Amino acid sequence: MTPSLTLALLTAAALGATGCSHMDRENSHKSLIPGHTLNLSPSLSIPAEGIAAGVLVYLFIDPLAPNWKVEVQPVGQRRFSIRLTMKRFITGGEGEIGRVVRRAAEQLRAEGGYAEYALLELTEGIESRVPIAQRVAHAIIELR
């Protein structure tokens, strides 16, 4: 699922979860999320809307997903392009570009049975994407 489709689905779910304030009187007491609460203790309770919002935020941010998406494409007989795209919402990882490129290059070297690789090019930057900009990097390696 593409990030934009995921964002659209999560936005639609969040809007649907909030309900509509301009409903007819007959159905005004009904909502998508029941008005229940989770009572954790006598002094602490969490409304169902808060739980639903927390789940949506967790799914959107996905803290357990890798920080970088790595795409490898051949650009010649022994040359490969490595494209990196960072998650939109992160908790660190801005300085990992070198390690992620080396890990991908080492994997290509080992799978191809080569003795070494050479890093020919490495660029990094930020691409302005809706709704939030993303850190990106691009590397070209040659297997030897």
N, C-alpha and C. Protein backbone atom coordinates (compact mmCIF):
# COMPACT_ATOMS: atom_id res chain seq x y z
N MET A 1 0.85 -1.16 0.00
CA MET A 1 0.00 0.00 0.00
C MET A 1 0.90 1.23 0.00
N THR A 2 0.60 2.18 -0.89
CA THR A 2 1.41 3.38 -0.99
C THR A 2 1.17 4.29 0.21
N PRO A 3 2.17 5.12 0.54
CA PRO A 3 1.99 6.02 1.68
C PRO A 3 0.80 6.96 1.50
N SER A 4 0.55 7.45 0.28
CA SER A 4 -0.57 8.37 0.09
C SER A 4 -1.90 7.65 0.25
N LEU A 5 -1.99 6.39 -0.19
CA LEU A 5 -3.23 5.63 0.00
C LEU A 5 -3.44 5.34 1.48
N THR A 6 -2.37 4.99 2.18
CA THR A 6 -2.46 4.74 3.62
C THR A 6 -2.93 5.99 4.34
N LEU A 7 -2.37 7.15 3.97
CA LEU A 7 -2.77 8.41 4.58
C LEU A 7 -4.24 8.70 4.31
N ALA A 8 -4.68 8.47 3.08
CA ALA A 8 -6.08 8.73 2.74
C ALA A 8 -7.02 7.83 3.53
N LEU A 9 -6.67 6.55 3.65
CA LEU A 9 -7.51 5.62 4.41
C LEU A 9 -7.56 5.98 5.89
N LEU A 10 -6.41 6.35 6.45
CA LEU A 10 -6.39 6.73 7.86
C LEU A 10 -7.16 8.02 8.11
N THR A 11 -7.06 8.96 7.19
CA THR A 11 -7.81 10.20 7.32
C THR A 11 -9.30 9.93 7.26
N ALA A 12 -9.71 9.09 6.31
CA ALA A 12 -11.13 8.75 6.19
C ALA A 12 -11.62 8.04 7.45
N ALA A 13 -10.80 7.15 7.99
CA ALA A 13 -11.19 6.44 9.20
C ALA A 13 -11.31 7.40 10.39
N ALA A 14 -10.37 8.32 10.49
CA ALA A 14 -10.42 9.28 11.59
C ALA A 14 -11.63 10.19 11.48
N LEU A 15 -11.93 10.65 10.27
CA LEU A 15 -13.11 11.49 10.09
C LEU A 15 -14.39 10.71 10.37
N GLY A 16 -14.42 9.46 9.94
CA GLY A 16 -15.59 8.63 10.20
C GLY A 16 -15.75 8.33 11.68
N ALA A 17 -14.62 8.22 12.37
CA ALA A 17 -14.68 7.90 13.80
C ALA A 17 -15.19 9.08 14.63
N THR A 18 -15.01 10.28 14.13
CA THR A 18 -15.46 11.43 14.90
C THR A 18 -16.96 11.62 14.84
N GLY A 19 -17.59 11.03 13.84
CA GLY A 19 -19.05 11.17 13.72
C GLY A 19 -19.40 12.50 13.10
N CYS A 20 -20.66 12.75 12.93
CA CYS A 20 -21.13 13.97 12.30
C CYS A 20 -21.96 14.75 13.30
N SER A 21 -21.68 16.03 13.46
CA SER A 21 -22.42 16.82 14.44
C SER A 21 -23.73 17.35 13.88
N HIS A 22 -23.96 17.25 12.60
CA HIS A 22 -25.18 17.76 11.98
C HIS A 22 -26.04 16.61 11.48
N MET A 23 -26.46 15.77 12.38
CA MET A 23 -27.31 14.65 12.02
C MET A 23 -28.74 14.99 12.43
N ASP A 24 -29.69 14.29 11.87
CA ASP A 24 -31.07 14.55 12.27
C ASP A 24 -31.29 14.11 13.72
N ARG A 25 -32.31 14.64 14.35
CA ARG A 25 -32.54 14.39 15.76
C ARG A 25 -32.74 12.92 16.08
N GLU A 26 -33.34 12.21 15.16
CA GLU A 26 -33.63 10.79 15.41
C GLU A 26 -32.36 9.98 15.58
N ASN A 27 -31.31 10.30 14.83
CA ASN A 27 -30.07 9.53 14.87
C ASN A 27 -28.93 10.27 15.56
N SER A 28 -29.23 11.38 16.23
CA SER A 28 -28.16 12.19 16.79
C SER A 28 -27.44 11.50 17.94
N HIS A 29 -28.05 10.53 18.58
CA HIS A 29 -27.39 9.85 19.69
C HIS A 29 -26.51 8.69 19.23
N LYS A 30 -26.57 8.34 17.96
CA LYS A 30 -25.76 7.23 17.45
C LYS A 30 -24.47 7.77 16.85
N SER A 31 -23.38 7.08 17.09
CA SER A 31 -22.11 7.46 16.48
C SER A 31 -21.34 6.20 16.14
N LEU A 32 -20.32 6.38 15.34
CA LEU A 32 -19.51 5.24 14.92
C LEU A 32 -18.81 4.59 16.11
N ILE A 33 -18.31 5.41 17.02
CA ILE A 33 -17.64 4.90 18.21
C ILE A 33 -18.57 5.11 19.40
N PRO A 34 -18.93 4.05 20.09
CA PRO A 34 -19.85 4.20 21.22
C PRO A 34 -19.23 5.09 22.30
N GLY A 35 -20.08 5.72 23.08
CA GLY A 35 -19.62 6.61 24.14
C GLY A 35 -19.25 5.86 25.40
N HIS A 36 -18.43 4.86 25.29
CA HIS A 36 -18.01 4.06 26.43
C HIS A 36 -16.63 4.51 26.90
N THR A 37 -16.27 4.11 28.09
CA THR A 37 -14.94 4.40 28.61
C THR A 37 -14.33 3.12 29.16
N LEU A 38 -13.01 3.09 29.15
CA LEU A 38 -12.27 1.98 29.75
C LEU A 38 -11.81 2.45 31.12
N ASN A 39 -12.37 1.86 32.17
CA ASN A 39 -12.03 2.25 33.53
C ASN A 39 -10.81 1.45 34.01
N LEU A 40 -9.69 2.15 34.07
CA LEU A 40 -8.45 1.50 34.51
C LEU A 40 -8.35 1.47 36.03
N SER A 41 -8.87 2.50 36.67
CA SER A 41 -8.90 2.57 38.13
C SER A 41 -10.03 3.52 38.51
N PRO A 42 -10.35 3.66 39.79
CA PRO A 42 -11.43 4.58 40.16
C PRO A 42 -11.20 6.02 39.71
N SER A 43 -9.94 6.42 39.56
CA SER A 43 -9.67 7.81 39.19
C SER A 43 -9.17 7.96 37.74
N LEU A 44 -9.04 6.86 37.01
CA LEU A 44 -8.51 6.94 35.65
C LEU A 44 -9.38 6.14 34.69
N SER A 45 -9.91 6.83 33.70
CA SER A 45 -10.69 6.17 32.66
C SER A 45 -10.34 6.79 31.32
N ILE A 46 -10.39 5.99 30.28
CA ILE A 46 -10.04 6.45 28.94
C ILE A 46 -11.28 6.32 28.06
N PRO A 47 -11.71 7.40 27.40
CA PRO A 47 -12.88 7.31 26.52
C PRO A 47 -12.55 6.49 25.26
N ALA A 48 -13.58 5.89 24.68
CA ALA A 48 -13.41 5.07 23.48
C ALA A 48 -12.81 5.88 22.34
N GLU A 49 -13.18 7.17 22.24
CA GLU A 49 -12.62 8.02 21.18
C GLU A 49 -11.11 8.16 21.33
N GLY A 50 -10.64 8.25 22.57
CA GLY A 50 -9.20 8.36 22.82
C GLY A 50 -8.46 7.09 22.44
N ILE A 51 -9.07 5.95 22.72
CA ILE A 51 -8.46 4.67 22.34
C ILE A 51 -8.39 4.56 20.82
N ALA A 52 -9.49 4.92 20.14
CA ALA A 52 -9.51 4.85 18.67
C ALA A 52 -8.47 5.80 18.07
N ALA A 53 -8.36 7.01 18.61
CA ALA A 53 -7.37 7.96 18.11
C ALA A 53 -5.96 7.44 18.32
N GLY A 54 -5.70 6.84 19.49
CA GLY A 54 -4.38 6.27 19.76
C GLY A 54 -4.02 5.15 18.80
N VAL A 55 -4.98 4.31 18.49
CA VAL A 55 -4.74 3.22 17.53
C VAL A 55 -4.43 3.79 16.15
N LEU A 56 -5.19 4.80 15.71
CA LEU A 56 -4.93 5.41 14.40
C LEU A 56 -3.55 6.06 14.35
N VAL A 57 -3.17 6.76 15.40
CA VAL A 57 -1.84 7.38 15.43
C VAL A 57 -0.76 6.31 15.39
N TYR A 58 -0.92 5.25 16.17
CA TYR A 58 0.07 4.17 16.18
C TYR A 58 0.21 3.55 14.80
N LEU A 59 -0.92 3.28 14.13
CA LEU A 59 -0.87 2.69 12.79
C LEU A 59 -0.22 3.62 11.79
N PHE A 60 -0.46 4.92 11.90
CA PHE A 60 0.09 5.88 10.96
C PHE A 60 1.58 6.05 11.16
N ILE A 61 2.01 6.16 12.40
CA ILE A 61 3.43 6.38 12.69
C ILE A 61 4.22 5.08 12.57
N ASP A 62 3.64 3.96 12.97
CA ASP A 62 4.26 2.63 12.91
C ASP A 62 5.68 2.64 13.46
N PRO A 63 5.84 2.73 14.78
CA PRO A 63 7.17 2.86 15.37
C PRO A 63 8.06 1.63 15.19
N LEU A 64 7.51 0.49 14.84
CA LEU A 64 8.32 -0.71 14.68
C LEU A 64 8.82 -0.91 13.25
N ALA A 65 8.36 -0.11 12.32
CA ALA A 65 8.81 -0.23 10.92
C ALA A 65 10.24 0.29 10.80
N PRO A 66 11.00 -0.22 9.83
CA PRO A 66 12.36 0.29 9.62
C PRO A 66 12.34 1.79 9.29
N ASN A 67 13.39 2.50 9.68
CA ASN A 67 13.46 3.93 9.40
C ASN A 67 13.62 4.23 7.92
N TRP A 68 14.26 3.31 7.18
CA TRP A 68 14.57 3.56 5.78
C TRP A 68 13.95 2.51 4.87
N LYS A 69 13.40 2.96 3.75
CA LYS A 69 12.97 2.07 2.68
C LYS A 69 14.13 2.03 1.68
N VAL A 70 14.59 0.82 1.34
CA VAL A 70 15.75 0.66 0.47
C VAL A 70 15.30 0.00 -0.82
N GLU A 71 15.61 0.66 -1.95
CA GLU A 71 15.31 0.12 -3.28
C GLU A 71 16.62 -0.03 -4.04
N VAL A 72 16.87 -1.24 -4.55
CA VAL A 72 18.10 -1.51 -5.28
C VAL A 72 17.75 -1.85 -6.71
N GLN A 73 18.43 -1.20 -7.66
CA GLN A 73 18.20 -1.45 -9.08
C GLN A 73 19.54 -1.56 -9.78
N PRO A 74 19.70 -2.54 -10.68
CA PRO A 74 20.93 -2.60 -11.47
C PRO A 74 20.96 -1.46 -12.49
N VAL A 75 22.13 -0.86 -12.67
CA VAL A 75 22.30 0.20 -13.67
C VAL A 75 23.45 -0.14 -14.62
N GLY A 76 23.85 -1.36 -14.63
CA GLY A 76 24.92 -1.85 -15.47
C GLY A 76 25.22 -3.28 -15.08
N GLN A 77 26.29 -3.82 -15.66
CA GLN A 77 26.61 -5.22 -15.37
C GLN A 77 27.00 -5.43 -13.91
N ARG A 78 27.81 -4.52 -13.36
CA ARG A 78 28.23 -4.65 -11.96
C ARG A 78 27.93 -3.42 -11.13
N ARG A 79 27.10 -2.53 -11.66
CA ARG A 79 26.75 -1.30 -10.94
C ARG A 79 25.30 -1.36 -10.49
N PHE A 80 25.08 -0.79 -9.30
CA PHE A 80 23.74 -0.79 -8.72
C PHE A 80 23.42 0.59 -8.16
N SER A 81 22.16 0.96 -8.31
CA SER A 81 21.62 2.17 -7.72
C SER A 81 20.90 1.78 -6.43
N ILE A 82 21.21 2.47 -5.35
CA ILE A 82 20.56 2.23 -4.07
C ILE A 82 19.83 3.52 -3.70
N ARG A 83 18.52 3.45 -3.64
CA ARG A 83 17.69 4.61 -3.28
C ARG A 83 17.12 4.40 -1.88
N LEU A 84 17.27 5.40 -1.04
CA LEU A 84 16.78 5.34 0.33
C LEU A 84 15.73 6.43 0.55
N THR A 85 14.64 6.06 1.21
CA THR A 85 13.60 7.01 1.59
C THR A 85 13.29 6.79 3.06
N MET A 86 13.39 7.85 3.85
CA MET A 86 13.15 7.74 5.28
C MET A 86 11.66 7.84 5.60
N LYS A 87 11.25 7.19 6.68
CA LYS A 87 9.87 7.31 7.15
C LYS A 87 9.55 8.78 7.39
N ARG A 88 8.27 9.11 7.28
CA ARG A 88 7.86 10.49 7.52
C ARG A 88 7.95 10.86 9.00
N PHE A 89 7.54 9.95 9.88
CA PHE A 89 7.58 10.21 11.31
C PHE A 89 8.61 9.28 11.91
N ILE A 90 9.65 9.85 12.50
CA ILE A 90 10.78 9.06 12.97
C ILE A 90 11.10 9.39 14.41
N THR A 91 11.88 8.53 15.01
CA THR A 91 12.41 8.79 16.34
C THR A 91 13.92 8.60 16.29
N GLY A 92 14.57 9.27 15.36
CA GLY A 92 16.00 9.15 15.17
C GLY A 92 16.30 8.52 13.83
N GLY A 93 17.57 8.32 13.54
CA GLY A 93 17.97 7.65 12.31
C GLY A 93 18.47 8.58 11.24
N GLU A 94 18.56 9.89 11.52
CA GLU A 94 19.01 10.83 10.50
C GLU A 94 20.45 10.58 10.07
N GLY A 95 21.28 10.03 10.93
CA GLY A 95 22.68 9.80 10.58
C GLY A 95 22.98 8.39 10.11
N GLU A 96 21.97 7.64 9.73
CA GLU A 96 22.16 6.24 9.36
C GLU A 96 22.44 5.99 7.89
N ILE A 97 22.45 7.02 7.05
CA ILE A 97 22.55 6.81 5.61
C ILE A 97 23.78 5.98 5.25
N GLY A 98 24.94 6.32 5.79
CA GLY A 98 26.16 5.59 5.47
C GLY A 98 26.06 4.12 5.83
N ARG A 99 25.53 3.84 7.02
CA ARG A 99 25.40 2.44 7.45
C ARG A 99 24.40 1.66 6.62
N VAL A 100 23.29 2.29 6.25
CA VAL A 100 22.28 1.60 5.46
C VAL A 100 22.81 1.30 4.06
N VAL A 101 23.53 2.25 3.47
CA VAL A 101 24.13 2.03 2.14
C VAL A 101 25.18 0.92 2.23
N ARG A 102 26.03 0.95 3.24
CA ARG A 102 27.06 -0.10 3.38
C ARG A 102 26.42 -1.47 3.57
N ARG A 103 25.35 -1.54 4.36
CA ARG A 103 24.66 -2.81 4.57
C ARG A 103 24.09 -3.35 3.26
N ALA A 104 23.46 -2.49 2.46
CA ALA A 104 22.90 -2.92 1.18
C ALA A 104 24.02 -3.32 0.21
N ALA A 105 25.11 -2.56 0.19
CA ALA A 105 26.23 -2.87 -0.70
C ALA A 105 26.89 -4.18 -0.30
N GLU A 106 27.07 -4.40 0.99
CA GLU A 106 27.66 -5.67 1.46
C GLU A 106 26.78 -6.86 1.10
N GLN A 107 25.48 -6.68 1.19
CA GLN A 107 24.57 -7.76 0.83
C GLN A 107 24.67 -8.07 -0.66
N LEU A 108 24.72 -7.04 -1.50
CA LEU A 108 24.87 -7.26 -2.95
C LEU A 108 26.21 -7.92 -3.26
N ARG A 109 27.27 -7.48 -2.58
CA ARG A 109 28.60 -8.06 -2.79
C ARG A 109 28.60 -9.53 -2.44
N ALA A 110 28.04 -9.88 -1.29
CA ALA A 110 28.04 -11.27 -0.84
C ALA A 110 27.17 -12.14 -1.74
N GLU A 111 26.00 -11.64 -2.12
CA GLU A 111 25.11 -12.42 -2.99
C GLU A 111 25.71 -12.66 -4.37
N GLY A 112 26.50 -11.69 -4.85
CA GLY A 112 27.10 -11.82 -6.18
C GLY A 112 28.43 -12.55 -6.17
N GLY A 113 28.98 -12.82 -4.99
CA GLY A 113 30.26 -13.51 -4.89
C GLY A 113 31.45 -12.64 -5.23
N TYR A 114 31.32 -11.33 -5.03
CA TYR A 114 32.42 -10.42 -5.34
C TYR A 114 33.28 -10.20 -4.10
N ALA A 115 34.53 -9.77 -4.32
CA ALA A 115 35.46 -9.55 -3.21
C ALA A 115 35.23 -8.22 -2.51
N GLU A 116 34.83 -7.20 -3.27
CA GLU A 116 34.64 -5.88 -2.68
C GLU A 116 33.67 -5.06 -3.51
N TYR A 117 33.37 -3.89 -3.00
CA TYR A 117 32.54 -2.94 -3.74
C TYR A 117 33.17 -1.57 -3.61
N ALA A 118 32.85 -0.70 -4.55
CA ALA A 118 33.31 0.68 -4.50
C ALA A 118 32.09 1.59 -4.51
N LEU A 119 32.09 2.55 -3.62
CA LEU A 119 31.04 3.55 -3.58
C LEU A 119 31.40 4.65 -4.56
N LEU A 120 30.67 4.77 -5.67
CA LEU A 120 30.98 5.74 -6.71
C LEU A 120 30.31 7.09 -6.46
N GLU A 121 29.14 7.06 -5.84
CA GLU A 121 28.39 8.30 -5.64
C GLU A 121 27.47 8.14 -4.43
N LEU A 122 27.35 9.20 -3.65
CA LEU A 122 26.41 9.21 -2.53
C LEU A 122 25.89 10.63 -2.37
N THR A 123 24.59 10.79 -2.54
CA THR A 123 23.95 12.09 -2.35
C THR A 123 22.80 11.92 -1.36
N GLU A 124 22.53 12.98 -0.64
CA GLU A 124 21.40 12.95 0.29
C GLU A 124 20.74 14.31 0.31
N GLY A 125 19.46 14.30 0.66
CA GLY A 125 18.73 15.56 0.70
C GLY A 125 17.34 15.35 1.26
N ILE A 126 16.50 16.33 1.03
CA ILE A 126 15.11 16.28 1.50
C ILE A 126 14.21 16.59 0.32
N GLU A 127 13.22 15.73 0.10
CA GLU A 127 12.24 15.95 -0.95
C GLU A 127 10.96 16.48 -0.32
N SER A 128 10.46 17.56 -0.88
CA SER A 128 9.21 18.15 -0.38
C SER A 128 8.05 17.35 -0.92
N ARG A 129 7.40 16.62 -0.05
CA ARG A 129 6.25 15.80 -0.43
C ARG A 129 5.09 16.17 0.47
N VAL A 130 3.90 16.01 -0.05
CA VAL A 130 2.69 16.29 0.72
C VAL A 130 2.36 15.07 1.55
N PRO A 131 2.05 15.12 2.79
CA PRO A 131 1.91 16.32 3.60
C PRO A 131 3.19 16.70 4.31
N ILE A 132 4.20 15.82 4.33
CA ILE A 132 5.42 16.09 5.10
C ILE A 132 6.63 15.71 4.24
N ALA A 133 7.66 16.56 4.27
CA ALA A 133 8.88 16.30 3.52
C ALA A 133 9.57 15.04 4.06
N GLN A 134 10.36 14.39 3.18
CA GLN A 134 11.07 13.17 3.58
C GLN A 134 12.54 13.29 3.23
N ARG A 135 13.36 12.73 4.11
CA ARG A 135 14.79 12.64 3.85
C ARG A 135 15.02 11.51 2.86
N VAL A 136 15.89 11.74 1.87
CA VAL A 136 16.19 10.75 0.84
C VAL A 136 17.69 10.69 0.63
N ALA A 137 18.14 9.59 0.04
CA ALA A 137 19.54 9.44 -0.33
C ALA A 137 19.63 8.55 -1.55
N HIS A 138 20.70 8.70 -2.30
CA HIS A 138 20.93 7.88 -3.49
C HIS A 138 22.41 7.55 -3.57
N ALA A 139 22.69 6.29 -3.85
CA ALA A 139 24.08 5.85 -3.96
C ALA A 139 24.23 4.99 -5.22
N ILE A 140 25.41 5.05 -5.81
CA ILE A 140 25.79 4.16 -6.90
C ILE A 140 27.01 3.38 -6.43
N ILE A 141 26.92 2.04 -6.52
CA ILE A 141 28.07 1.21 -6.15
C ILE A 141 28.47 0.34 -7.34
N GLU A 142 29.71 -0.09 -7.30
CA GLU A 142 30.22 -1.01 -8.32
C GLU A 142 30.84 -2.19 -7.61
N LEU A 143 30.44 -3.38 -8.00
CA LEU A 143 30.98 -4.61 -7.40
C LEU A 143 32.27 -4.98 -8.13
N ARG A 144 33.28 -5.41 -7.35
CA ARG A 144 34.60 -5.77 -7.95
C ARG A 144 35.06 -7.09 -7.41
